[in-house]
């Protein structure tokens, strides 16, 4: 599914791509803008599409923050992929050094908060968070940009693995625990918090899309933990096999063979 994407261009040498479902989101925004503005179809459509593009421009900047710090540590970044639920920077590997993972994870929200601080030099702190109308003025768009980045930076710091906050939590745990164990606890805490958030979104705030988002995040965190556990097991089996081939034969060969050919 992640292969169904369209390459756009490169930013700092990193390929930017959009998944085909992102185009469905843009089409839906255009349709909603047309329907919701009977007296100005084209203006409503253009405004809604522009808002989507503004939001995802912030997402690209967020992912670039992660990517540029990762490259500083020698980690390759194949692309940034835009999905309807957000963006994803695809790294060649995830660093196991807690300090590196901490800084890479913090870089994305740091970009958002830097934009907020820059805008606060010219704008007051937002007061009305309940309105959904956007003023088509430079001041109105700047205010919207401030809100987007403030929400995006804060949301990503939630300790729900594999979001940035969850990875920060894992990096902190990894200073005291083995990497796999730290991932287990980060994923477990993340699943609990995601379930609580999904229940609140469904019963209190009536946000079905947010429910789907937290369910997706919970599943993604569990899959990443399972993938890491499988790789750790395979690495241990290969290490055992190499030691068996290099070391002298002894009476433990049969037991080791049982381990090597155990369930995968």
C-alpha atoms as a PDB file:
ATOM      1  CA  UNK A   1       0.000   0.000   0.000  1.00  0.00           C
ATOM      2  CA  UNK A   2       2.820   2.426   0.855  1.00  0.00           C
ATOM      3  CA  UNK A   3       4.183   1.821  -2.652  1.00  0.00           C
ATOM      4  CA  UNK A   4       1.121   3.467  -4.229  1.00  0.00           C
ATOM      5  CA  UNK A   5       2.684   6.905  -4.203  1.00  0.00           C
ATOM      6  CA  UNK A   6       3.630   9.739  -6.533  1.00  0.00           C
ATOM      7  CA  UNK A   7       7.045  11.382  -6.359  1.00  0.00           C
ATOM      8  CA  UNK A   8       6.936  15.191  -6.346  1.00  0.00           C
ATOM      9  CA  UNK A   9      10.351  16.794  -5.873  1.00  0.00           C
ATOM     10  CA  UNK A  10      13.317  16.860  -3.500  1.00  0.00           C
ATOM     11  CA  UNK A  11      13.814  19.096  -0.481  1.00  0.00           C
ATOM     12  CA  UNK A  12      17.390  19.234   0.854  1.00  0.00           C
ATOM     13  CA  UNK A  13      18.024  16.139  -1.241  1.00  0.00           C
ATOM     14  CA  UNK A  14      15.136  14.212   0.357  1.00  0.00           C
ATOM     15  CA  UNK A  15      12.427  12.920  -1.956  1.00  0.00           C
ATOM     16  CA  UNK A  16       8.913  14.146  -1.217  1.00  0.00           C
ATOM     17  CA  UNK A  17       6.071  11.828  -2.242  1.00  0.00           C
ATOM     18  CA  UNK A  18       2.316  11.691  -1.761  1.00  0.00           C
ATOM     19  CA  UNK A  19       0.275   8.528  -1.310  1.00  0.00           C
ATOM     20  CA  UNK A  20      -2.631   8.200  -3.713  1.00  0.00           C
ATOM     21  CA  UNK A  21      -5.072   8.450  -0.782  1.00  0.00           C
ATOM     22  CA  UNK A  22      -3.762  11.962  -0.144  1.00  0.00           C
ATOM     23  CA  UNK A  23      -5.249  12.986  -3.480  1.00  0.00           C
ATOM     24  CA  UNK A  24      -8.585  11.612  -2.276  1.00  0.00           C
ATOM     25  CA  UNK A  25      -8.291  13.907   0.764  1.00  0.00           C
ATOM     26  CA  UNK A  26      -7.628  16.917  -1.461  1.00  0.00           C
ATOM     27  CA  UNK A  27     -10.582  15.980  -3.678  1.00  0.00           C
ATOM     28  CA  UNK A  28     -12.830  15.648  -0.629  1.00  0.00           C
ATOM     29  CA  UNK A  29     -11.710  19.063   0.645  1.00  0.00           C
ATOM     30  CA  UNK A  30     -12.504  20.583  -2.739  1.00  0.00           C
ATOM     31  CA  UNK A  31     -15.944  18.948  -2.791  1.00  0.00           C
ATOM     32  CA  UNK A  32     -16.710  20.052   0.790  1.00  0.00           C
ATOM     33  CA  UNK A  33     -15.659  23.626   0.006  1.00  0.00           C
ATOM     34  CA  UNK A  34     -17.910  23.643  -3.043  1.00  0.00           C
ATOM     35  CA  UNK A  35     -20.956  22.231  -1.208  1.00  0.00           C
ATOM     36  CA  UNK A  36     -20.590  24.334   1.947  1.00  0.00           C
ATOM     37  CA  UNK A  37     -20.419  27.621   0.048  1.00  0.00           C
ATOM     38  CA  UNK A  38     -23.458  27.830  -2.270  1.00  0.00           C
ATOM     39  CA  UNK A  39     -22.898  31.532  -2.907  1.00  0.00           C
ATOM     40  CA  UNK A  40     -19.242  31.139  -3.764  1.00  0.00           C
ATOM     41  CA  UNK A  41     -18.496  27.622  -4.931  1.00  0.00           C
ATOM     42  CA  UNK A  42     -15.103  28.321  -6.456  1.00  0.00           C
ATOM     43  CA  UNK A  43     -13.901  30.467  -3.563  1.00  0.00           C
ATOM     44  CA  UNK A  44     -15.002  27.860  -1.021  1.00  0.00           C
ATOM     45  CA  UNK A  45     -13.312  25.073  -2.948  1.00  0.00           C
ATOM     46  CA  UNK A  46     -10.072  27.029  -3.348  1.00  0.00           C
ATOM     47  CA  UNK A  47     -10.037  27.987   0.340  1.00  0.00           C
ATOM     48  CA  UNK A  48     -10.501  24.426   1.615  1.00  0.00           C
ATOM     49  CA  UNK A  49      -7.820  23.053  -0.708  1.00  0.00           C
ATOM     50  CA  UNK A  50      -5.463  25.878   0.324  1.00  0.00           C
ATOM     51  CA  UNK A  51      -6.015  25.035   3.993  1.00  0.00           C
ATOM     52  CA  UNK A  52      -5.174  21.380   3.361  1.00  0.00           C
ATOM     53  CA  UNK A  53      -2.008  22.370   1.523  1.00  0.00           C
ATOM     54  CA  UNK A  54      -1.051  24.792   4.313  1.00  0.00           C
ATOM     55  CA  UNK A  55      -1.526  22.058   6.905  1.00  0.00           C
ATOM     56  CA  UNK A  56       0.615  19.593   4.983  1.00  0.00           C
ATOM     57  CA  UNK A  57       3.289  22.190   4.370  1.00  0.00           C
ATOM     58  CA  UNK A  58       3.652  22.346   8.157  1.00  0.00           C
ATOM     59  CA  UNK A  59       3.755  18.547   8.256  1.00  0.00           C
ATOM     60  CA  UNK A  60       6.565  18.500   5.676  1.00  0.00           C
ATOM     61  CA  UNK A  61       8.550  21.011   7.752  1.00  0.00           C
ATOM     62  CA  UNK A  62       7.963  18.841  10.822  1.00  0.00           C
ATOM     63  CA  UNK A  63       9.267  15.743   9.038  1.00  0.00           C
ATOM     64  CA  UNK A  64      12.219  17.671   7.640  1.00  0.00           C
ATOM     65  CA  UNK A  65      13.192  18.482  11.216  1.00  0.00           C
ATOM     66  CA  UNK A  66      13.413  14.763  11.978  1.00  0.00           C
ATOM     67  CA  UNK A  67      15.141  13.980   8.693  1.00  0.00           C
ATOM     68  CA  UNK A  68      17.890  16.605   8.824  1.00  0.00           C
ATOM     69  CA  UNK A  69      18.924  15.630  12.358  1.00  0.00           C
ATOM     70  CA  UNK A  70      18.854  11.948  11.356  1.00  0.00           C
ATOM     71  CA  UNK A  71      21.142  12.662   8.401  1.00  0.00           C
ATOM     72  CA  UNK A  72      23.517  14.480  10.716  1.00  0.00           C
ATOM     73  CA  UNK A  73      23.987  11.145  12.500  1.00  0.00           C
ATOM     74  CA  UNK A  74      24.614   9.340   9.225  1.00  0.00           C
ATOM     75  CA  UNK A  75      21.118   7.846   8.891  1.00  0.00           C
ATOM     76  CA  UNK A  76      19.795   7.745   5.348  1.00  0.00           C
ATOM     77  CA  UNK A  77      16.354   9.220   4.647  1.00  0.00           C
ATOM     78  CA  UNK A  78      14.807   7.669   1.541  1.00  0.00           C
ATOM     79  CA  UNK A  79      11.750   9.933   1.374  1.00  0.00           C
ATOM     80  CA  UNK A  80       9.018  11.836   3.180  1.00  0.00           C
ATOM     81  CA  UNK A  81       5.632  10.329   2.385  1.00  0.00           C
ATOM     82  CA  UNK A  82       2.422  12.309   2.836  1.00  0.00           C
ATOM     83  CA  UNK A  83      -0.686  10.372   3.876  1.00  0.00           C
ATOM     84  CA  UNK A  84      -4.181  11.621   4.759  1.00  0.00           C
ATOM     85  CA  UNK A  85      -3.337  11.079   8.445  1.00  0.00           C
ATOM     86  CA  UNK A  86      -0.059  13.000   8.273  1.00  0.00           C
ATOM     87  CA  UNK A  87       3.512  12.530   7.125  1.00  0.00           C
ATOM     88  CA  UNK A  88       6.137   9.846   7.549  1.00  0.00           C
ATOM     89  CA  UNK A  89       9.899  10.187   7.128  1.00  0.00           C
ATOM     90  CA  UNK A  90      11.322   6.848   6.034  1.00  0.00           C
ATOM     91  CA  UNK A  91      14.719   6.212   7.648  1.00  0.00           C
ATOM     92  CA  UNK A  92      17.149   3.478   6.657  1.00  0.00           C
ATOM     93  CA  UNK A  93      17.406   2.613  10.356  1.00  0.00           C
ATOM     94  CA  UNK A  94      16.323   3.832  13.779  1.00  0.00           C
ATOM     95  CA  UNK A  95      19.245   4.706  16.071  1.00  0.00           C
ATOM     96  CA  UNK A  96      19.530   2.637  19.222  1.00  0.00           C
ATOM     97  CA  UNK A  97      21.553   5.251  21.040  1.00  0.00           C
ATOM     98  CA  UNK A  98      19.039   6.957  23.385  1.00  0.00           C
ATOM     99  CA  UNK A  99      20.539  10.414  22.934  1.00  0.00           C
ATOM    100  CA  UNK A 100      20.309  10.239  19.154  1.00  0.00           C
ATOM    101  CA  UNK A 101      16.736   8.967  19.130  1.00  0.00           C
ATOM    102  CA  UNK A 102      15.800  11.644  21.658  1.00  0.00           C
ATOM    103  CA  UNK A 103      17.209  14.485  19.550  1.00  0.00           C
ATOM    104  CA  UNK A 104      15.740  13.139  16.298  1.00  0.00           C
ATOM    105  CA  UNK A 105      12.313  12.773  17.921  1.00  0.00           C
ATOM    106  CA  UNK A 106      12.421  16.248  19.442  1.00  0.00           C
ATOM    107  CA  UNK A 107      13.433  17.879  16.158  1.00  0.00           C
ATOM    108  CA  UNK A 108       9.969  17.652  14.566  1.00  0.00           C
ATOM    109  CA  UNK A 109       8.004  19.376  17.358  1.00  0.00           C
ATOM    110  CA  UNK A 110      10.886  21.836  17.744  1.00  0.00           C
ATOM    111  CA  UNK A 111      10.258  23.029  14.174  1.00  0.00           C
ATOM    112  CA  UNK A 112       6.561  23.579  14.949  1.00  0.00           C
ATOM    113  CA  UNK A 113       7.268  25.469  18.169  1.00  0.00           C
ATOM    114  CA  UNK A 114       9.928  27.566  16.413  1.00  0.00           C
ATOM    115  CA  UNK A 115       7.299  28.678  13.881  1.00  0.00           C
ATOM    116  CA  UNK A 116       4.931  29.480  16.770  1.00  0.00           C
ATOM    117  CA  UNK A 117       7.564  31.584  18.548  1.00  0.00           C
ATOM    118  CA  UNK A 118       8.370  33.414  15.330  1.00  0.00           C
ATOM    119  CA  UNK A 119       4.705  34.228  14.717  1.00  0.00           C
ATOM    120  CA  UNK A 120       4.192  35.331  18.334  1.00  0.00           C
ATOM    121  CA  UNK A 121       6.650  38.135  17.676  1.00  0.00           C
ATOM    122  CA  UNK A 122       3.935  39.691  15.499  1.00  0.00           C
ATOM    123  CA  UNK A 123       0.682  38.142  16.762  1.00  0.00           C
ATOM    124  CA  UNK A 124      -1.059  37.923  20.145  1.00  0.00           C
ATOM    125  CA  UNK A 125      -1.719  34.576  21.788  1.00  0.00           C
ATOM    126  CA  UNK A 126      -4.866  32.976  20.262  1.00  0.00           C
ATOM    127  CA  UNK A 127      -7.973  33.482  22.388  1.00  0.00           C
ATOM    128  CA  UNK A 128     -10.919  31.972  20.547  1.00  0.00           C
ATOM    129  CA  UNK A 129     -10.230  28.279  19.889  1.00  0.00           C
ATOM    130  CA  UNK A 130     -13.841  27.406  19.136  1.00  0.00           C
ATOM    131  CA  UNK A 131     -14.327  29.265  15.870  1.00  0.00           C
ATOM    132  CA  UNK A 132     -13.992  27.434  12.583  1.00  0.00           C
ATOM    133  CA  UNK A 133     -14.010  30.387  10.202  1.00  0.00           C
ATOM    134  CA  UNK A 134     -10.778  31.564   8.635  1.00  0.00           C
ATOM    135  CA  UNK A 135     -10.279  35.236   7.861  1.00  0.00           C
ATOM    136  CA  UNK A 136      -8.941  35.689   4.335  1.00  0.00           C
ATOM    137  CA  UNK A 137      -6.354  38.246   5.398  1.00  0.00           C
ATOM    138  CA  UNK A 138      -2.600  37.973   6.050  1.00  0.00           C
ATOM    139  CA  UNK A 139      -3.341  38.335   9.762  1.00  0.00           C
ATOM    140  CA  UNK A 140      -6.011  35.603   9.655  1.00  0.00           C
ATOM    141  CA  UNK A 141      -3.790  33.150   7.791  1.00  0.00           C
ATOM    142  CA  UNK A 142      -0.852  33.844  10.108  1.00  0.00           C
ATOM    143  CA  UNK A 143      -3.118  33.207  13.098  1.00  0.00           C
ATOM    144  CA  UNK A 144      -4.222  29.912  11.538  1.00  0.00           C
ATOM    145  CA  UNK A 145      -0.602  28.953  10.900  1.00  0.00           C
ATOM    146  CA  UNK A 146       0.194  29.640  14.551  1.00  0.00           C
ATOM    147  CA  UNK A 147      -2.654  27.412  15.743  1.00  0.00           C
ATOM    148  CA  UNK A 148      -1.757  24.593  13.355  1.00  0.00           C
ATOM    149  CA  UNK A 149       1.841  24.452  14.531  1.00  0.00           C
ATOM    150  CA  UNK A 150       0.947  24.793  18.200  1.00  0.00           C
ATOM    151  CA  UNK A 151      -1.505  21.892  17.986  1.00  0.00           C
ATOM    152  CA  UNK A 152       0.775  19.789  15.805  1.00  0.00           C
ATOM    153  CA  UNK A 153       3.784  20.218  18.062  1.00  0.00           C
ATOM    154  CA  UNK A 154       1.798  19.495  21.233  1.00  0.00           C
ATOM    155  CA  UNK A 155      -0.075  16.523  19.764  1.00  0.00           C
ATOM    156  CA  UNK A 156       3.114  14.836  18.593  1.00  0.00           C
ATOM    157  CA  UNK A 157       4.597  15.062  22.092  1.00  0.00           C
ATOM    158  CA  UNK A 158       1.891  12.796  23.506  1.00  0.00           C
ATOM    159  CA  UNK A 159       3.683   9.677  24.847  1.00  0.00           C
ATOM    160  CA  UNK A 160       1.835   7.390  22.437  1.00  0.00           C
ATOM    161  CA  UNK A 161       4.349   5.199  20.619  1.00  0.00           C
ATOM    162  CA  UNK A 162       5.320   5.422  17.749  1.00  0.00           C
ATOM    163  CA  UNK A 163       4.563   9.163  17.801  1.00  0.00           C
ATOM    164  CA  UNK A 164       7.396  11.516  18.710  1.00  0.00           C
ATOM    165  CA  UNK A 165       6.415  11.584  22.379  1.00  0.00           C
ATOM    166  CA  UNK A 166       6.387   7.783  22.476  1.00  0.00           C
ATOM    167  CA  UNK A 167       9.848   7.629  20.915  1.00  0.00           C
ATOM    168  CA  UNK A 168      11.109  10.186  23.412  1.00  0.00           C
ATOM    169  CA  UNK A 169       9.675   7.994  26.164  1.00  0.00           C
ATOM    170  CA  UNK A 170      11.448   4.948  24.713  1.00  0.00           C
ATOM    171  CA  UNK A 171      14.741   6.828  24.492  1.00  0.00           C
ATOM    172  CA  UNK A 172      14.470   7.753  28.166  1.00  0.00           C
ATOM    173  CA  UNK A 173      13.617   4.158  29.117  1.00  0.00           C
ATOM    174  CA  UNK A 174      16.498   2.860  26.986  1.00  0.00           C
ATOM    175  CA  UNK A 175      18.973   4.654  29.238  1.00  0.00           C
ATOM    176  CA  UNK A 176      17.990   2.144  31.943  1.00  0.00           C
ATOM    177  CA  UNK A 177      16.522  -0.835  30.092  1.00  0.00           C
ATOM    178  CA  UNK A 178      17.540  -3.005  27.127  1.00  0.00           C
ATOM    179  CA  UNK A 179      16.299  -1.547  23.839  1.00  0.00           C
ATOM    180  CA  UNK A 180      13.697  -4.256  23.222  1.00  0.00           C
ATOM    181  CA  UNK A 181      12.325  -3.968  26.759  1.00  0.00           C
ATOM    182  CA  UNK A 182      12.184  -0.187  26.481  1.00  0.00           C
ATOM    183  CA  UNK A 183      10.233  -0.564  23.231  1.00  0.00           C
ATOM    184  CA  UNK A 184       7.819  -2.994  24.896  1.00  0.00           C
ATOM    185  CA  UNK A 185       6.977  -0.578  27.686  1.00  0.00           C
ATOM    186  CA  UNK A 186       6.757   2.417  25.344  1.00  0.00           C
ATOM    187  CA  UNK A 187       4.379   0.498  23.058  1.00  0.00           C
ATOM    188  CA  UNK A 188       2.312  -0.811  26.000  1.00  0.00           C
ATOM    189  CA  UNK A 189       1.886   2.607  27.594  1.00  0.00           C
ATOM    190  CA  UNK A 190       1.139   4.034  24.153  1.00  0.00           C
ATOM    191  CA  UNK A 191      -1.624   1.482  23.528  1.00  0.00           C
ATOM    192  CA  UNK A 192      -3.266   2.241  26.867  1.00  0.00           C
ATOM    193  CA  UNK A 193      -3.177   5.982  26.260  1.00  0.00           C
ATOM    194  CA  UNK A 194      -4.411   5.549  22.680  1.00  0.00           C
ATOM    195  CA  UNK A 195      -7.390   3.507  23.878  1.00  0.00           C
ATOM    196  CA  UNK A 196      -8.232   6.121  26.527  1.00  0.00           C
ATOM    197  CA  UNK A 197      -7.933   8.915  23.964  1.00  0.00           C
ATOM    198  CA  UNK A 198     -10.082   7.019  21.450  1.00  0.00           C
ATOM    199  CA  UNK A 199     -12.798   6.460  24.068  1.00  0.00           C
ATOM    200  CA  UNK A 200     -12.771  10.157  25.018  1.00  0.00           C
ATOM    201  CA  UNK A 201     -12.939  11.202  21.365  1.00  0.00           C
ATOM    202  CA  UNK A 202     -15.874   8.865  20.774  1.00  0.00           C
ATOM    203  CA  UNK A 203     -17.924   9.559  23.908  1.00  0.00           C
ATOM    204  CA  UNK A 204     -17.064  13.112  24.986  1.00  0.00           C
ATOM    205  CA  UNK A 205     -15.854  15.075  21.974  1.00  0.00           C
ATOM    206  CA  UNK A 206     -17.652  13.153  19.206  1.00  0.00           C
ATOM    207  CA  UNK A 207     -14.594  13.042  16.923  1.00  0.00           C
ATOM    208  CA  UNK A 208     -14.807   9.830  14.859  1.00  0.00           C
ATOM    209  CA  UNK A 209     -11.772  10.715  12.742  1.00  0.00           C
ATOM    210  CA  UNK A 210      -9.692  11.179  15.879  1.00  0.00           C
ATOM    211  CA  UNK A 211     -10.864   7.758  17.078  1.00  0.00           C
ATOM    212  CA  UNK A 212      -9.651   6.194  13.838  1.00  0.00           C
ATOM    213  CA  UNK A 213      -6.338   8.048  14.141  1.00  0.00           C
ATOM    214  CA  UNK A 214      -5.641   6.772  17.659  1.00  0.00           C
ATOM    215  CA  UNK A 215      -6.599   3.229  16.670  1.00  0.00           C
ATOM    216  CA  UNK A 216      -4.179   3.437  13.744  1.00  0.00           C
ATOM    217  CA  UNK A 217      -1.397   4.786  15.977  1.00  0.00           C
ATOM    218  CA  UNK A 218      -1.963   1.995  18.509  1.00  0.00           C
ATOM    219  CA  UNK A 219      -1.759  -0.680  15.809  1.00  0.00           C
ATOM    220  CA  UNK A 220       1.343   0.913  14.277  1.00  0.00           C
ATOM    221  CA  UNK A 221       3.115   0.936  17.643  1.00  0.00           C
ATOM    222  CA  UNK A 222       2.310  -2.718  18.273  1.00  0.00           C
ATOM    223  CA  UNK A 223       3.481  -3.717  14.796  1.00  0.00           C
ATOM    224  CA  UNK A 224       6.773  -1.867  15.245  1.00  0.00           C
ATOM    225  CA  UNK A 225       7.392  -3.625  18.561  1.00  0.00           C
ATOM    226  CA  UNK A 226       6.601  -7.040  17.046  1.00  0.00           C
ATOM    227  CA  UNK A 227       8.883  -6.331  14.086  1.00  0.00           C
ATOM    228  CA  UNK A 228      11.727  -5.336  16.407  1.00  0.00           C
ATOM    229  CA  UNK A 229      11.194  -8.439  18.563  1.00  0.00           C
ATOM    230  CA  UNK A 230      11.323 -10.651  15.462  1.00  0.00           C
ATOM    231  CA  UNK A 231      14.564  -9.028  14.276  1.00  0.00           C
ATOM    232  CA  UNK A 232      16.106  -9.407  17.720  1.00  0.00           C
ATOM    233  CA  UNK A 233      15.218 -13.098  17.764  1.00  0.00           C
ATOM    234  CA  UNK A 234      16.619 -13.654  14.290  1.00  0.00           C
ATOM    235  CA  UNK A 235      19.829 -11.814  15.198  1.00  0.00           C
ATOM    236  CA  UNK A 236      20.211 -13.996  18.307  1.00  0.00           C
ATOM    237  CA  UNK A 237      19.690 -17.139  16.230  1.00  0.00           C
ATOM    238  CA  UNK A 238      22.276 -16.078  13.657  1.00  0.00           C
ATOM    239  CA  UNK A 239      24.726 -15.219  16.424  1.00  0.00           C
ATOM    240  CA  UNK A 240      24.189 -18.626  17.987  1.00  0.00           C
ATOM    241  CA  UNK A 241      24.669 -20.333  14.632  1.00  0.00           C
ATOM    242  CA  UNK A 242      27.933 -18.493  13.974  1.00  0.00           C
ATOM    243  CA  UNK A 243      29.249 -19.364  17.425  1.00  0.00           C
ATOM    244  CA  UNK A 244      28.249 -22.978  16.837  1.00  0.00           C
ATOM    245  CA  UNK A 245      30.160 -23.048  13.550  1.00  0.00           C
ATOM    246  CA  UNK A 246      33.215 -21.291  14.972  1.00  0.00           C
ATOM    247  CA  UNK A 247      33.358 -23.048  18.345  1.00  0.00           C
ATOM    248  CA  UNK A 248      34.331 -26.624  19.175  1.00  0.00           C
ATOM    249  CA  UNK A 249      31.693 -29.308  18.936  1.00  0.00           C
ATOM    250  CA  UNK A 250      30.272 -30.370  22.295  1.00  0.00           C
ATOM    251  CA  UNK A 251      27.238 -32.042  23.745  1.00  0.00           C
ATOM    252  CA  UNK A 252      25.145 -28.891  23.504  1.00  0.00           C
ATOM    253  CA  UNK A 253      24.881 -29.009  19.706  1.00  0.00           C
ATOM    254  CA  UNK A 254      21.502 -30.735  19.690  1.00  0.00           C
ATOM    255  CA  UNK A 255      19.993 -28.223  22.107  1.00  0.00           C
ATOM    256  CA  UNK A 256      21.319 -25.364  20.031  1.00  0.00           C
ATOM    257  CA  UNK A 257      19.890 -26.904  16.875  1.00  0.00           C
ATOM    258  CA  UNK A 258      16.501 -27.050  18.562  1.00  0.00           C
ATOM    259  CA  UNK A 259      16.698 -23.332  19.246  1.00  0.00           C
ATOM    260  CA  UNK A 260      17.791 -22.531  15.694  1.00  0.00           C
ATOM    261  CA  UNK A 261      14.888 -24.454  14.218  1.00  0.00           C
ATOM    262  CA  UNK A 262      12.299 -23.278  16.704  1.00  0.00           C
ATOM    263  CA  UNK A 263       9.170 -21.374  15.724  1.00  0.00           C
ATOM    264  CA  UNK A 264       9.724 -18.074  13.890  1.00  0.00           C
END
